[in-house]
């Protein structure tokens, strides 16, 4: 099953946990100006959290 697109967020940071082949990324939330990021887990775990975010203004304009 192909992965769905994860909208690009101004405050989400992706960290490469494992490089190619089969890269794995962990997502972190830096909103609003957090000094310590909130870990969201891998991309699949972060998807429902990011999709339910109430701060709609943080998504990049080219994603609308």
C-alpha atoms as a PDB file:
ATOM      1  CA  UNK A   1       0.000   0.000   0.000  1.00  0.00           C
ATOM      2  CA  UNK A   2       1.582   3.334  -1.020  1.00  0.00           C
ATOM      3  CA  UNK A   3       2.122   5.950   1.648  1.00  0.00           C
ATOM      4  CA  UNK A   4      -0.182   8.933   1.646  1.00  0.00           C
ATOM      5  CA  UNK A   5       1.298  12.377   1.340  1.00  0.00           C
ATOM      6  CA  UNK A   6       2.163  14.097   4.645  1.00  0.00           C
ATOM      7  CA  UNK A   7       1.502  17.823   4.295  1.00  0.00           C
ATOM      8  CA  UNK A   8       4.600  19.935   4.763  1.00  0.00           C
ATOM      9  CA  UNK A   9       4.594  21.836   8.037  1.00  0.00           C
ATOM     10  CA  UNK A  10       6.722  24.832   8.937  1.00  0.00           C
ATOM     11  CA  UNK A  11       7.406  23.438  12.417  1.00  0.00           C
ATOM     12  CA  UNK A  12       7.887  19.715  11.820  1.00  0.00           C
ATOM     13  CA  UNK A  13      11.410  18.375  11.696  1.00  0.00           C
ATOM     14  CA  UNK A  14      12.299  15.029  10.151  1.00  0.00           C
ATOM     15  CA  UNK A  15      15.365  13.236  11.437  1.00  0.00           C
ATOM     16  CA  UNK A  16      16.924  10.395   9.454  1.00  0.00           C
ATOM     17  CA  UNK A  17      17.243   7.413  11.772  1.00  0.00           C
ATOM     18  CA  UNK A  18      18.543   5.067   9.088  1.00  0.00           C
ATOM     19  CA  UNK A  19      20.022   6.085   5.772  1.00  0.00           C
ATOM     20  CA  UNK A  20      19.444   4.396   2.413  1.00  0.00           C
ATOM     21  CA  UNK A  21      18.497   1.730   1.493  1.00  0.00           C
ATOM     22  CA  UNK A  22      15.059   1.881   3.098  1.00  0.00           C
ATOM     23  CA  UNK A  23      15.464   5.217   4.854  1.00  0.00           C
ATOM     24  CA  UNK A  24      13.567   5.621   8.127  1.00  0.00           C
ATOM     25  CA  UNK A  25      12.597   9.018   9.478  1.00  0.00           C
ATOM     26  CA  UNK A  26      11.354  10.180  12.870  1.00  0.00           C
ATOM     27  CA  UNK A  27       9.214  13.330  13.109  1.00  0.00           C
ATOM     28  CA  UNK A  28       9.450  16.013  15.775  1.00  0.00           C
ATOM     29  CA  UNK A  29       7.164  18.986  16.414  1.00  0.00           C
ATOM     30  CA  UNK A  30       8.739  22.365  17.146  1.00  0.00           C
ATOM     31  CA  UNK A  31       5.488  24.377  17.374  1.00  0.00           C
ATOM     32  CA  UNK A  32       5.297  27.009  18.804  1.00  0.00           C
ATOM     33  CA  UNK A  33       8.968  27.849  19.199  1.00  0.00           C
ATOM     34  CA  UNK A  34       9.647  24.940  21.516  1.00  0.00           C
ATOM     35  CA  UNK A  35      13.091  24.783  23.024  1.00  0.00           C
ATOM     36  CA  UNK A  36      12.754  20.986  23.188  1.00  0.00           C
ATOM     37  CA  UNK A  37      11.000  19.210  20.286  1.00  0.00           C
ATOM     38  CA  UNK A  38       8.094  16.850  20.934  1.00  0.00           C
ATOM     39  CA  UNK A  39       8.835  13.441  19.380  1.00  0.00           C
ATOM     40  CA  UNK A  40       5.979  12.221  17.158  1.00  0.00           C
ATOM     41  CA  UNK A  41       7.457   8.873  16.135  1.00  0.00           C
ATOM     42  CA  UNK A  42       7.952   7.559  12.610  1.00  0.00           C
ATOM     43  CA  UNK A  43       6.049   9.043   9.660  1.00  0.00           C
ATOM     44  CA  UNK A  44       3.055   6.705  10.041  1.00  0.00           C
ATOM     45  CA  UNK A  45       2.755   7.451  13.765  1.00  0.00           C
ATOM     46  CA  UNK A  46       3.109  11.204  13.138  1.00  0.00           C
ATOM     47  CA  UNK A  47       0.495  11.287  10.355  1.00  0.00           C
ATOM     48  CA  UNK A  48      -2.678  11.257  12.537  1.00  0.00           C
ATOM     49  CA  UNK A  49      -1.137  13.740  14.982  1.00  0.00           C
ATOM     50  CA  UNK A  50      -0.175  16.163  12.216  1.00  0.00           C
ATOM     51  CA  UNK A  51      -3.476  15.737  10.366  1.00  0.00           C
ATOM     52  CA  UNK A  52      -5.436  16.593  13.520  1.00  0.00           C
ATOM     53  CA  UNK A  53      -3.366  19.704  14.275  1.00  0.00           C
ATOM     54  CA  UNK A  54      -5.663  22.686  14.933  1.00  0.00           C
ATOM     55  CA  UNK A  55      -3.023  25.218  13.878  1.00  0.00           C
ATOM     56  CA  UNK A  56      -3.892  25.160  10.159  1.00  0.00           C
ATOM     57  CA  UNK A  57      -1.805  28.282   9.467  1.00  0.00           C
ATOM     58  CA  UNK A  58       1.428  26.326   9.988  1.00  0.00           C
ATOM     59  CA  UNK A  59       1.154  24.234   6.839  1.00  0.00           C
ATOM     60  CA  UNK A  60       3.197  25.546   3.960  1.00  0.00           C
ATOM     61  CA  UNK A  61       1.157  27.633   1.465  1.00  0.00           C
ATOM     62  CA  UNK A  62       2.161  25.437  -1.476  1.00  0.00           C
ATOM     63  CA  UNK A  63       0.340  22.530   0.247  1.00  0.00           C
ATOM     64  CA  UNK A  64      -3.128  24.117   0.120  1.00  0.00           C
END
